[in-house]
Amino acid sequence: MSTSRRSLTSVNPLVETRDVIAMKEKTGNLYESITVVSRRANQIAVNMKEELHRKLDEFTVHGDNLEEVHENKEQIEISRIYERMANPALQALTEFNDDAIYYRKKGTE
C-alpha cells in the first residue's frame, strides 16, 4: 500500500466532484468503498505525521534556555511543503480510483 512521495504530491489538492456509482461498482457497496478509502486515508495521515516529525526532529535543539526560540528556514520550508500536499482523504481516493489499493473482506481469501 505504500506509494512514492512523488505520486502523492501530484494529487490535485482541490476537492472535486466524484462519481459515486463508479466507487460503488468497485466493491459492490458504496459504504464499503468509503470504508476502504477512509482506512487508507488514516494510514496515509499517520505516515505523513511520522515522516514530518522525523524531518523536524533533525532541527530540534535540546537546550536549557526556553526563552531562545530559533527560526530555522529549512524547518519552515519542510512545514510549507507538507501544508501544500493534498489532504490524505484526497490521496486515498485517488489511489482507490487508480486501483492502487488492495482490499478484501474479512472471512474471504
PDB file of N, CA and C in Angstrom:
ATOM      1  N   MET A   1       0.801  -1.198   0.000  1.00  0.00           N
ATOM      2  CA  MET A   1       0.000   0.000   0.000  1.00  0.00           C
ATOM      3  C   MET A   1       0.842   1.260   0.000  1.00  0.00           C
ATOM      4  N   SER A   2       2.114   1.123   0.089  1.00  0.00           N
ATOM      5  CA  SER A   2       2.937   2.315   0.108  1.00  0.00           C
ATOM      6  C   SER A   2       3.129   2.833  -1.311  1.00  0.00           C
ATOM      7  N   THR A   3       3.222   4.129  -1.414  1.00  0.00           N
ATOM      8  CA  THR A   3       3.462   4.755  -2.706  1.00  0.00           C
ATOM      9  C   THR A   3       4.599   5.739  -2.540  1.00  0.00           C
ATOM     10  N   SER A   4       5.150   6.153  -3.623  1.00  0.00           N
ATOM     11  CA  SER A   4       6.250   7.094  -3.551  1.00  0.00           C
ATOM     12  C   SER A   4       5.730   8.486  -3.230  1.00  0.00           C
ATOM     13  N   ARG A   5       6.598   9.281  -2.666  1.00  0.00           N
ATOM     14  CA  ARG A   5       6.234  10.648  -2.274  1.00  0.00           C
ATOM     15  C   ARG A   5       5.882  11.471  -3.506  1.00  0.00           C
ATOM     16  N   ARG A   6       6.537  11.202  -4.632  1.00  0.00           N
ATOM     17  CA  ARG A   6       6.283  11.962  -5.850  1.00  0.00           C
ATOM     18  C   ARG A   6       4.836  11.793  -6.310  1.00  0.00           C
ATOM     19  N   SER A   7       4.314  10.579  -6.234  1.00  0.00           N
ATOM     20  CA  SER A   7       2.944  10.350  -6.695  1.00  0.00           C
ATOM     21  C   SER A   7       1.934  10.998  -5.754  1.00  0.00           C
ATOM     22  N   LEU A   8       2.263  11.104  -4.487  1.00  0.00           N
ATOM     23  CA  LEU A   8       1.335  11.726  -3.547  1.00  0.00           C
ATOM     24  C   LEU A   8       1.293  13.240  -3.720  1.00  0.00           C
ATOM     25  N   THR A   9       2.393  13.833  -4.131  1.00  0.00           N
ATOM     26  CA  THR A   9       2.394  15.273  -4.321  1.00  0.00           C
ATOM     27  C   THR A   9       1.735  15.663  -5.634  1.00  0.00           C
ATOM     28  N   SER A  10       1.535  14.698  -6.547  1.00  0.00           N
ATOM     29  CA  SER A  10       0.908  15.021  -7.812  1.00  0.00           C
ATOM     30  C   SER A  10      -0.617  14.971  -7.734  1.00  0.00           C
ATOM     31  N   VAL A  11      -1.154  14.616  -6.572  1.00  0.00           N
ATOM     32  CA  VAL A  11      -2.594  14.581  -6.384  1.00  0.00           C
ATOM     33  C   VAL A  11      -3.105  16.008  -6.330  1.00  0.00           C
ATOM     34  N   ASN A  12      -4.203  16.258  -7.025  1.00  0.00           N
ATOM     35  CA  ASN A  12      -4.802  17.579  -7.022  1.00  0.00           C
ATOM     36  C   ASN A  12      -5.304  17.905  -5.621  1.00  0.00           C
ATOM     37  N   PRO A  13      -4.818  18.975  -4.983  1.00  0.00           N
ATOM     38  CA  PRO A  13      -5.229  19.287  -3.610  1.00  0.00           C
ATOM     39  C   PRO A  13      -6.631  19.886  -3.513  1.00  0.00           C
ATOM     40  N   LEU A  14      -7.263  20.140  -4.647  1.00  0.00           N
ATOM     41  CA  LEU A  14      -8.596  20.723  -4.634  1.00  0.00           C
ATOM     42  C   LEU A  14      -9.652  19.624  -4.626  1.00  0.00           C
ATOM     43  N   VAL A  15     -10.727  19.884  -3.945  1.00  0.00           N
ATOM     44  CA  VAL A  15     -11.817  18.923  -3.870  1.00  0.00           C
ATOM     45  C   VAL A  15     -12.587  18.957  -5.181  1.00  0.00           C
ATOM     46  N   GLU A  16     -12.889  17.770  -5.705  1.00  0.00           N
ATOM     47  CA  GLU A  16     -13.639  17.656  -6.950  1.00  0.00           C
ATOM     48  C   GLU A  16     -14.850  16.766  -6.717  1.00  0.00           C
ATOM     49  N   THR A  17     -15.821  16.895  -7.584  1.00  0.00           N
ATOM     50  CA  THR A  17     -16.987  16.020  -7.533  1.00  0.00           C
ATOM     51  C   THR A  17     -16.572  14.630  -8.002  1.00  0.00           C
ATOM     52  N   ARG A  18     -17.023  13.610  -7.283  1.00  0.00           N
ATOM     53  CA  ARG A  18     -16.652  12.227  -7.616  1.00  0.00           C
ATOM     54  C   ARG A  18     -17.877  11.452  -8.073  1.00  0.00           C
ATOM     55  N   ASP A  19     -17.649  10.455  -8.899  1.00  0.00           N
ATOM     56  CA  ASP A  19     -18.715   9.593  -9.382  1.00  0.00           C
ATOM     57  C   ASP A  19     -18.929   8.473  -8.371  1.00  0.00           C
ATOM     58  N   VAL A  20     -19.987   8.575  -7.572  1.00  0.00           N
ATOM     59  CA  VAL A  20     -20.229   7.592  -6.525  1.00  0.00           C
ATOM     60  C   VAL A  20     -20.666   6.248  -7.104  1.00  0.00           C
ATOM     61  N   ILE A  21     -21.247   6.264  -8.282  1.00  0.00           N
ATOM     62  CA  ILE A  21     -21.649   4.995  -8.908  1.00  0.00           C
ATOM     63  C   ILE A  21     -20.416   4.184  -9.286  1.00  0.00           C
ATOM     64  N   ALA A  22     -19.384   4.848  -9.785  1.00  0.00           N
ATOM     65  CA  ALA A  22     -18.142   4.153 -10.112  1.00  0.00           C
ATOM     66  C   ALA A  22     -17.471   3.628  -8.842  1.00  0.00           C
ATOM     67  N   MET A  23     -17.549   4.385  -7.751  1.00  0.00           N
ATOM     68  CA  MET A  23     -16.996   3.921  -6.486  1.00  0.00           C
ATOM     69  C   MET A  23     -17.751   2.686  -5.996  1.00  0.00           C
ATOM     70  N   LYS A  24     -19.055   2.695  -6.166  1.00  0.00           N
ATOM     71  CA  LYS A  24     -19.890   1.580  -5.720  1.00  0.00           C
ATOM     72  C   LYS A  24     -19.566   0.320  -6.505  1.00  0.00           C
ATOM     73  N   GLU A  25     -19.290   0.454  -7.793  1.00  0.00           N
ATOM     74  CA  GLU A  25     -19.029  -0.696  -8.649  1.00  0.00           C
ATOM     75  C   GLU A  25     -17.745  -1.435  -8.272  1.00  0.00           C
ATOM     76  N   LYS A  26     -16.792  -0.742  -7.666  1.00  0.00           N
ATOM     77  CA  LYS A  26     -15.527  -1.380  -7.321  1.00  0.00           C
ATOM     78  C   LYS A  26     -15.676  -2.408  -6.209  1.00  0.00           C
ATOM     79  N   THR A  27     -16.539  -2.144  -5.236  1.00  0.00           N
ATOM     80  CA  THR A  27     -16.702  -3.072  -4.122  1.00  0.00           C
ATOM     81  C   THR A  27     -18.089  -3.691  -4.065  1.00  0.00           C
ATOM     82  N   GLY A  28     -19.027  -3.133  -4.798  1.00  0.00           N
ATOM     83  CA  GLY A  28     -20.395  -3.620  -4.746  1.00  0.00           C
ATOM     84  C   GLY A  28     -21.257  -2.865  -3.767  1.00  0.00           C
ATOM     85  N   ASN A  29     -20.643  -2.027  -2.957  1.00  0.00           N
ATOM     86  CA  ASN A  29     -21.375  -1.268  -1.956  1.00  0.00           C
ATOM     87  C   ASN A  29     -20.656   0.064  -1.752  1.00  0.00           C
ATOM     88  N   LEU A  30     -21.379   1.154  -1.823  1.00  0.00           N
ATOM     89  CA  LEU A  30     -20.786   2.479  -1.667  1.00  0.00           C
ATOM     90  C   LEU A  30     -20.145   2.645  -0.299  1.00  0.00           C
ATOM     91  N   TYR A  31     -20.800   2.133   0.739  1.00  0.00           N
ATOM     92  CA  TYR A  31     -20.283   2.292   2.095  1.00  0.00           C
ATOM     93  C   TYR A  31     -19.001   1.489   2.311  1.00  0.00           C
ATOM     94  N   GLU A  32     -18.892   0.343   1.665  1.00  0.00           N
ATOM     95  CA  GLU A  32     -17.644  -0.409   1.733  1.00  0.00           C
ATOM     96  C   GLU A  32     -16.518   0.355   1.037  1.00  0.00           C
ATOM     97  N   SER A  33     -16.826   0.972  -0.086  1.00  0.00           N
ATOM     98  CA  SER A  33     -15.822   1.774  -0.790  1.00  0.00           C
ATOM     99  C   SER A  33     -15.350   2.929   0.073  1.00  0.00           C
ATOM    100  N   ILE A  34     -16.275   3.587   0.729  1.00  0.00           N
ATOM    101  CA  ILE A  34     -15.914   4.709   1.592  1.00  0.00           C
ATOM    102  C   ILE A  34     -15.083   4.227   2.774  1.00  0.00           C
ATOM    103  N   THR A  35     -15.403   3.049   3.290  1.00  0.00           N
ATOM    104  CA  THR A  35     -14.626   2.486   4.392  1.00  0.00           C
ATOM    105  C   THR A  35     -13.197   2.189   3.956  1.00  0.00           C
ATOM    106  N   VAL A  36     -13.033   1.624   2.768  1.00  0.00           N
ATOM    107  CA  VAL A  36     -11.699   1.338   2.247  1.00  0.00           C
ATOM    108  C   VAL A  36     -10.906   2.632   2.111  1.00  0.00           C
ATOM    109  N   VAL A  37     -11.525   3.647   1.540  1.00  0.00           N
ATOM    110  CA  VAL A  37     -10.846   4.933   1.340  1.00  0.00           C
ATOM    111  C   VAL A  37     -10.503   5.574   2.687  1.00  0.00           C
ATOM    112  N   SER A  38     -11.408   5.510   3.647  1.00  0.00           N
ATOM    113  CA  SER A  38     -11.145   6.150   4.936  1.00  0.00           C
ATOM    114  C   SER A  38     -10.032   5.449   5.700  1.00  0.00           C
ATOM    115  N   ARG A  39      -9.983   4.128   5.622  1.00  0.00           N
ATOM    116  CA  ARG A  39      -8.897   3.407   6.297  1.00  0.00           C
ATOM    117  C   ARG A  39      -7.553   3.709   5.654  1.00  0.00           C
ATOM    118  N   ARG A  40      -7.532   3.798   4.337  1.00  0.00           N
ATOM    119  CA  ARG A  40      -6.289   4.154   3.654  1.00  0.00           C
ATOM    120  C   ARG A  40      -5.893   5.591   3.981  1.00  0.00           C
ATOM    121  N   ALA A  41      -6.867   6.485   4.079  1.00  0.00           N
ATOM    122  CA  ALA A  41      -6.572   7.882   4.431  1.00  0.00           C
ATOM    123  C   ALA A  41      -5.958   7.962   5.825  1.00  0.00           C
ATOM    124  N   ASN A  42      -6.445   7.152   6.751  1.00  0.00           N
ATOM    125  CA  ASN A  42      -5.859   7.125   8.094  1.00  0.00           C
ATOM    126  C   ASN A  42      -4.413   6.644   8.047  1.00  0.00           C
ATOM    127  N   GLN A  43      -4.136   5.626   7.229  1.00  0.00           N
ATOM    128  CA  GLN A  43      -2.770   5.145   7.086  1.00  0.00           C
ATOM    129  C   GLN A  43      -1.859   6.230   6.515  1.00  0.00           C
ATOM    130  N   ILE A  44      -2.332   6.916   5.501  1.00  0.00           N
ATOM    131  CA  ILE A  44      -1.538   7.984   4.883  1.00  0.00           C
ATOM    132  C   ILE A  44      -1.286   9.097   5.890  1.00  0.00           C
ATOM    133  N   ALA A  45      -2.305   9.478   6.647  1.00  0.00           N
ATOM    134  CA  ALA A  45      -2.152  10.556   7.624  1.00  0.00           C
ATOM    135  C   ALA A  45      -1.127  10.196   8.700  1.00  0.00           C
ATOM    136  N   VAL A  46      -1.165   8.965   9.176  1.00  0.00           N
ATOM    137  CA  VAL A  46      -0.203   8.537  10.192  1.00  0.00           C
ATOM    138  C   VAL A  46       1.205   8.538   9.615  1.00  0.00           C
ATOM    139  N   ASN A  47       1.358   8.024   8.401  1.00  0.00           N
ATOM    140  CA  ASN A  47       2.682   8.005   7.764  1.00  0.00           C
ATOM    141  C   ASN A  47       3.220   9.410   7.534  1.00  0.00           C
ATOM    142  N   MET A  48       2.353  10.313   7.075  1.00  0.00           N
ATOM    143  CA  MET A  48       2.784  11.697   6.847  1.00  0.00           C
ATOM    144  C   MET A  48       3.203  12.360   8.147  1.00  0.00           C
ATOM    145  N   LYS A  49       2.445  12.117   9.205  1.00  0.00           N
ATOM    146  CA  LYS A  49       2.749  12.723  10.502  1.00  0.00           C
ATOM    147  C   LYS A  49       4.088  12.209  11.034  1.00  0.00           C
ATOM    148  N   GLU A  50       4.308  10.900  10.942  1.00  0.00           N
ATOM    149  CA  GLU A  50       5.577  10.332  11.402  1.00  0.00           C
ATOM    150  C   GLU A  50       6.746  10.866  10.587  1.00  0.00           C
ATOM    151  N   GLU A  51       6.566  10.950   9.271  1.00  0.00           N
ATOM    152  CA  GLU A  51       7.626  11.452   8.403  1.00  0.00           C
ATOM    153  C   GLU A  51       7.935  12.916   8.703  1.00  0.00           C
ATOM    154  N   LEU A  52       6.904  13.704   8.898  1.00  0.00           N
ATOM    155  CA  LEU A  52       7.105  15.119   9.216  1.00  0.00           C
ATOM    156  C   LEU A  52       7.836  15.280  10.543  1.00  0.00           C
ATOM    157  N   HIS A  53       7.446  14.523  11.546  1.00  0.00           N
ATOM    158  CA  HIS A  53       8.110  14.621  12.846  1.00  0.00           C
ATOM    159  C   HIS A  53       9.566  14.165  12.770  1.00  0.00           C
ATOM    160  N   ARG A  54       9.838  13.124  11.984  1.00  0.00           N
ATOM    161  CA  ARG A  54      11.225  12.688  11.806  1.00  0.00           C
ATOM    162  C   ARG A  54      12.063  13.792  11.174  1.00  0.00           C
ATOM    163  N   LYS A  55      11.517  14.446  10.154  1.00  0.00           N
ATOM    164  CA  LYS A  55      12.264  15.502   9.478  1.00  0.00           C
ATOM    165  C   LYS A  55      12.458  16.720  10.380  1.00  0.00           C
ATOM    166  N   LEU A  56      11.431  17.051  11.159  1.00  0.00           N
ATOM    167  CA  LEU A  56      11.543  18.224  12.031  1.00  0.00           C
ATOM    168  C   LEU A  56      12.411  17.944  13.254  1.00  0.00           C
ATOM    169  N   ASP A  57      12.508  16.687  13.668  1.00  0.00           N
ATOM    170  CA  ASP A  57      13.360  16.347  14.809  1.00  0.00           C
ATOM    171  C   ASP A  57      14.829  16.583  14.518  1.00  0.00           C
ATOM    172  N   GLU A  58      15.210  16.567  13.249  1.00  0.00           N
ATOM    173  CA  GLU A  58      16.595  16.834  12.889  1.00  0.00           C
ATOM    174  C   GLU A  58      17.012  18.252  13.276  1.00  0.00           C
ATOM    175  N   PHE A  59      16.044  19.147  13.387  1.00  0.00           N
ATOM    176  CA  PHE A  59      16.350  20.550  13.655  1.00  0.00           C
ATOM    177  C   PHE A  59      16.139  20.944  15.110  1.00  0.00           C
ATOM    178  N   THR A  60      15.698  20.019  15.944  1.00  0.00           N
ATOM    179  CA  THR A  60      15.448  20.378  17.342  1.00  0.00           C
ATOM    180  C   THR A  60      16.764  20.555  18.073  1.00  0.00           C
ATOM    181  N   VAL A  61      16.775  21.558  18.922  1.00  0.00           N
ATOM    182  CA  VAL A  61      17.939  21.846  19.740  1.00  0.00           C
ATOM    183  C   VAL A  61      17.511  21.650  21.181  1.00  0.00           C
ATOM    184  N   HIS A  62      18.194  20.753  21.843  1.00  0.00           N
ATOM    185  CA  HIS A  62      17.866  20.492  23.234  1.00  0.00           C
ATOM    186  C   HIS A  62      18.742  21.381  24.097  1.00  0.00           C
ATOM    187  N   GLY A  63      18.144  22.436  24.588  1.00  0.00           N
ATOM    188  CA  GLY A  63      18.883  23.369  25.421  1.00  0.00           C
ATOM    189  C   GLY A  63      18.132  23.641  26.707  1.00  0.00           C
ATOM    190  N   ASP A  64      18.830  24.262  27.643  1.00  0.00           N
ATOM    191  CA  ASP A  64      18.230  24.553  28.935  1.00  0.00           C
ATOM    192  C   ASP A  64      17.430  25.848  28.916  1.00  0.00           C
ATOM    193  N   ASN A  65      17.710  26.714  27.953  1.00  0.00           N
ATOM    194  CA  ASN A  65      17.072  28.023  27.924  1.00  0.00           C
ATOM    195  C   ASN A  65      15.803  27.949  27.079  1.00  0.00           C
ATOM    196  N   LEU A  66      14.657  28.103  27.702  1.00  0.00           N
ATOM    197  CA  LEU A  66      13.389  28.051  26.988  1.00  0.00           C
ATOM    198  C   LEU A  66      13.057  29.371  26.304  1.00  0.00           C
ATOM    199  N   GLU A  67      13.737  30.443  26.662  1.00  0.00           N
ATOM    200  CA  GLU A  67      13.448  31.750  26.082  1.00  0.00           C
ATOM    201  C   GLU A  67      13.960  31.868  24.655  1.00  0.00           C
ATOM    202  N   GLU A  68      14.959  31.093  24.309  1.00  0.00           N
ATOM    203  CA  GLU A  68      15.535  31.177  22.973  1.00  0.00           C
ATOM    204  C   GLU A  68      14.774  30.266  22.026  1.00  0.00           C
ATOM    205  N   VAL A  69      14.145  30.862  21.037  1.00  0.00           N
ATOM    206  CA  VAL A  69      13.462  30.099  20.001  1.00  0.00           C
ATOM    207  C   VAL A  69      14.069  30.519  18.676  1.00  0.00           C
ATOM    208  N   HIS A  70      14.660  29.561  17.993  1.00  0.00           N
ATOM    209  CA  HIS A  70      15.307  29.874  16.723  1.00  0.00           C
ATOM    210  C   HIS A  70      14.390  29.473  15.583  1.00  0.00           C
ATOM    211  N   GLU A  71      14.280  30.363  14.620  1.00  0.00           N
ATOM    212  CA  GLU A  71      13.546  30.026  13.406  1.00  0.00           C
ATOM    213  C   GLU A  71      14.537  29.449  12.410  1.00  0.00           C
ATOM    214  N   ASN A  72      14.255  28.276  11.986  1.00  0.00           N
ATOM    215  CA  ASN A  72      15.114  27.614  11.038  1.00  0.00           C
ATOM    216  C   ASN A  72      14.417  27.623   9.686  1.00  0.00           C
ATOM    217  N   LYS A  73      15.063  28.184   8.687  1.00  0.00           N
ATOM    218  CA  LYS A  73      14.436  28.303   7.367  1.00  0.00           C
ATOM    219  C   LYS A  73      14.137  26.942   6.752  1.00  0.00           C
ATOM    220  N   GLU A  74      15.014  25.961   6.950  1.00  0.00           N
ATOM    221  CA  GLU A  74      14.761  24.623   6.416  1.00  0.00           C
ATOM    222  C   GLU A  74      13.529  24.001   7.070  1.00  0.00           C
ATOM    223  N   GLN A  75      13.393  24.209   8.371  1.00  0.00           N
ATOM    224  CA  GLN A  75      12.250  23.677   9.107  1.00  0.00           C
ATOM    225  C   GLN A  75      10.949  24.310   8.608  1.00  0.00           C
ATOM    226  N   ILE A  76      10.970  25.596   8.353  1.00  0.00           N
ATOM    227  CA  ILE A  76       9.795  26.294   7.841  1.00  0.00           C
ATOM    228  C   ILE A  76       9.460  25.803   6.445  1.00  0.00           C
ATOM    229  N   GLU A  77      10.458  25.585   5.616  1.00  0.00           N
ATOM    230  CA  GLU A  77      10.213  25.100   4.244  1.00  0.00           C
ATOM    231  C   GLU A  77       9.621  23.690   4.245  1.00  0.00           C
ATOM    232  N   ILE A  78      10.111  22.837   5.127  1.00  0.00           N
ATOM    233  CA  ILE A  78       9.552  21.485   5.234  1.00  0.00           C
ATOM    234  C   ILE A  78       8.084  21.554   5.636  1.00  0.00           C
ATOM    235  N   SER A  79       7.767  22.412   6.583  1.00  0.00           N
ATOM    236  CA  SER A  79       6.379  22.566   7.017  1.00  0.00           C
ATOM    237  C   SER A  79       5.500  23.077   5.878  1.00  0.00           C
ATOM    238  N   ARG A  80       6.013  23.992   5.097  1.00  0.00           N
ATOM    239  CA  ARG A  80       5.239  24.519   3.967  1.00  0.00           C
ATOM    240  C   ARG A  80       4.986  23.457   2.906  1.00  0.00           C
ATOM    241  N   ILE A  81       5.954  22.595   2.679  1.00  0.00           N
ATOM    242  CA  ILE A  81       5.768  21.505   1.708  1.00  0.00           C
ATOM    243  C   ILE A  81       4.625  20.610   2.151  1.00  0.00           C
ATOM    244  N   TYR A  82       4.594  20.267   3.420  1.00  0.00           N
ATOM    245  CA  TYR A  82       3.528  19.402   3.920  1.00  0.00           C
ATOM    246  C   TYR A  82       2.175  20.102   3.929  1.00  0.00           C
ATOM    247  N   GLU A  83       2.166  21.411   4.111  1.00  0.00           N
ATOM    248  CA  GLU A  83       0.906  22.153   4.072  1.00  0.00           C
ATOM    249  C   GLU A  83       0.329  22.189   2.656  1.00  0.00           C
ATOM    250  N   ARG A  84       1.197  22.198   1.642  1.00  0.00           N
ATOM    251  CA  ARG A  84       0.736  22.245   0.256  1.00  0.00           C
ATOM    252  C   ARG A  84       0.273  20.889  -0.266  1.00  0.00           C
ATOM    253  N   MET A  85       0.620  19.835   0.426  1.00  0.00           N
ATOM    254  CA  MET A  85       0.240  18.494  -0.028  1.00  0.00           C
ATOM    255  C   MET A  85      -1.265  18.314   0.074  1.00  0.00           C
ATOM    256  N   ALA A  86      -1.770  17.425  -0.740  1.00  0.00           N
ATOM    257  CA  ALA A  86      -3.201  17.140  -0.736  1.00  0.00           C
ATOM    258  C   ALA A  86      -3.592  16.451   0.566  1.00  0.00           C
ATOM    259  N   ASN A  87      -4.826  16.633   0.931  1.00  0.00           N
ATOM    260  CA  ASN A  87      -5.404  16.003   2.105  1.00  0.00           C
ATOM    261  C   ASN A  87      -5.257  14.481   1.979  1.00  0.00           C
ATOM    262  N   PRO A  88      -4.975  13.767   3.076  1.00  0.00           N
ATOM    263  CA  PRO A  88      -4.865  12.306   2.989  1.00  0.00           C
ATOM    264  C   PRO A  88      -6.109  11.627   2.419  1.00  0.00           C
ATOM    265  N   ALA A  89      -7.277  12.190   2.662  1.00  0.00           N
ATOM    266  CA  ALA A  89      -8.504  11.609   2.104  1.00  0.00           C
ATOM    267  C   ALA A  89      -8.508  11.732   0.584  1.00  0.00           C
ATOM    268  N   LEU A  90      -8.037  12.841   0.054  1.00  0.00           N
ATOM    269  CA  LEU A  90      -7.966  13.011  -1.400  1.00  0.00           C
ATOM    270  C   LEU A  90      -6.919  12.091  -2.007  1.00  0.00           C
ATOM    271  N   GLN A  91      -5.812  11.900  -1.296  1.00  0.00           N
ATOM    272  CA  GLN A  91      -4.783  10.987  -1.772  1.00  0.00           C
ATOM    273  C   GLN A  91      -5.323   9.561  -1.804  1.00  0.00           C
ATOM    274  N   ALA A  92      -6.031   9.162  -0.752  1.00  0.00           N
ATOM    275  CA  ALA A  92      -6.582   7.811  -0.683  1.00  0.00           C
ATOM    276  C   ALA A  92      -7.636   7.605  -1.758  1.00  0.00           C
ATOM    277  N   LEU A  93      -8.451   8.606  -2.004  1.00  0.00           N
ATOM    278  CA  LEU A  93      -9.478   8.493  -3.030  1.00  0.00           C
ATOM    279  C   LEU A  93      -8.857   8.366  -4.420  1.00  0.00           C
ATOM    280  N   THR A  94      -7.777   9.081  -4.654  1.00  0.00           N
ATOM    281  CA  THR A  94      -7.074   8.971  -5.928  1.00  0.00           C
ATOM    282  C   THR A  94      -6.488   7.569  -6.093  1.00  0.00           C
ATOM    283  N   GLU A  95      -5.890   7.041  -5.024  1.00  0.00           N
ATOM    284  CA  GLU A  95      -5.362   5.678  -5.080  1.00  0.00           C
ATOM    285  C   GLU A  95      -6.477   4.665  -5.335  1.00  0.00           C
ATOM    286  N   PHE A  96      -7.623   4.861  -4.700  1.00  0.00           N
ATOM    287  CA  PHE A  96      -8.754   3.954  -4.881  1.00  0.00           C
ATOM    288  C   PHE A  96      -9.246   3.979  -6.322  1.00  0.00           C
ATOM    289  N   ASN A  97      -9.358   5.158  -6.885  1.00  0.00           N
ATOM    290  CA  ASN A  97      -9.821   5.282  -8.270  1.00  0.00           C
ATOM    291  C   ASN A  97      -8.811   4.727  -9.266  1.00  0.00           C
ATOM    292  N   ASP A  98      -7.528   4.761  -8.914  1.00  0.00           N
ATOM    293  CA  ASP A  98      -6.477   4.237  -9.787  1.00  0.00           C
ATOM    294  C   ASP A  98      -6.217   2.754  -9.531  1.00  0.00           C
ATOM    295  N   ASP A  99      -7.021   2.121  -8.706  1.00  0.00           N
ATOM    296  CA  ASP A  99      -6.863   0.707  -8.333  1.00  0.00           C
ATOM    297  C   ASP A  99      -5.489   0.420  -7.736  1.00  0.00           C
ATOM    298  N   ALA A 100      -4.989   1.337  -6.930  1.00  0.00           N
ATOM    299  CA  ALA A 100      -3.688   1.172  -6.289  1.00  0.00           C
ATOM    300  C   ALA A 100      -3.823   0.681  -4.849  1.00  0.00           C
ATOM    301  N   ILE A 101      -5.025   0.395  -4.405  1.00  0.00           N
ATOM    302  CA  ILE A 101      -5.259  -0.079  -3.043  1.00  0.00           C
ATOM    303  C   ILE A 101      -5.713  -1.534  -3.111  1.00  0.00           C
ATOM    304  N   TYR A 102      -5.068  -2.360  -2.300  1.00  0.00           N
ATOM    305  CA  TYR A 102      -5.504  -3.756  -2.178  1.00  0.00           C
ATOM    306  C   TYR A 102      -6.421  -3.837  -0.964  1.00  0.00           C
ATOM    307  N   TYR A 103      -7.571  -4.403  -1.145  1.00  0.00           N
ATOM    308  CA  TYR A 103      -8.521  -4.567  -0.038  1.00  0.00           C
ATOM    309  C   TYR A 103      -9.235  -5.893  -0.206  1.00  0.00           C
ATOM    310  N   ARG A 104      -9.735  -6.405   0.901  1.00  0.00           N
ATOM    311  CA  ARG A 104     -10.510  -7.633   0.866  1.00  0.00           C
ATOM    312  C   ARG A 104     -11.463  -7.626   2.050  1.00  0.00           C
ATOM    313  N   LYS A 105     -12.523  -8.400   1.931  1.00  0.00           N
ATOM    314  CA  LYS A 105     -13.491  -8.526   3.010  1.00  0.00           C
ATOM    315  C   LYS A 105     -12.991  -9.538   4.023  1.00  0.00           C
ATOM    316  N   LYS A 106     -13.348  -9.325   5.273  1.00  0.00           N
ATOM    317  CA  LYS A 106     -12.984 -10.300   6.300  1.00  0.00           C
ATOM    318  C   LYS A 106     -13.686 -11.617   6.000  1.00  0.00           C
ATOM    319  N   GLY A 107     -12.975 -12.700   6.227  1.00  0.00           N
ATOM    320  CA  GLY A 107     -13.560 -14.017   6.010  1.00  0.00           C
ATOM    321  C   GLY A 107     -13.383 -14.545   4.603  1.00  0.00           C
ATOM    322  N   THR A 108     -12.893 -13.717   3.683  1.00  0.00           N
ATOM    323  CA  THR A 108     -12.640 -14.182   2.316  1.00  0.00           C
ATOM    324  C   THR A 108     -11.148 -14.246   2.088  1.00  0.00           C
ATOM    325  N   GLU A 109     -10.736 -15.109   1.215  1.00  0.00           N
ATOM    326  CA  GLU A 109      -9.306 -15.247   0.958  1.00  0.00           C
ATOM    327  C   GLU A 109      -8.957 -14.785  -0.424  1.00  0.00           C
TER     328      GLU A 109
END
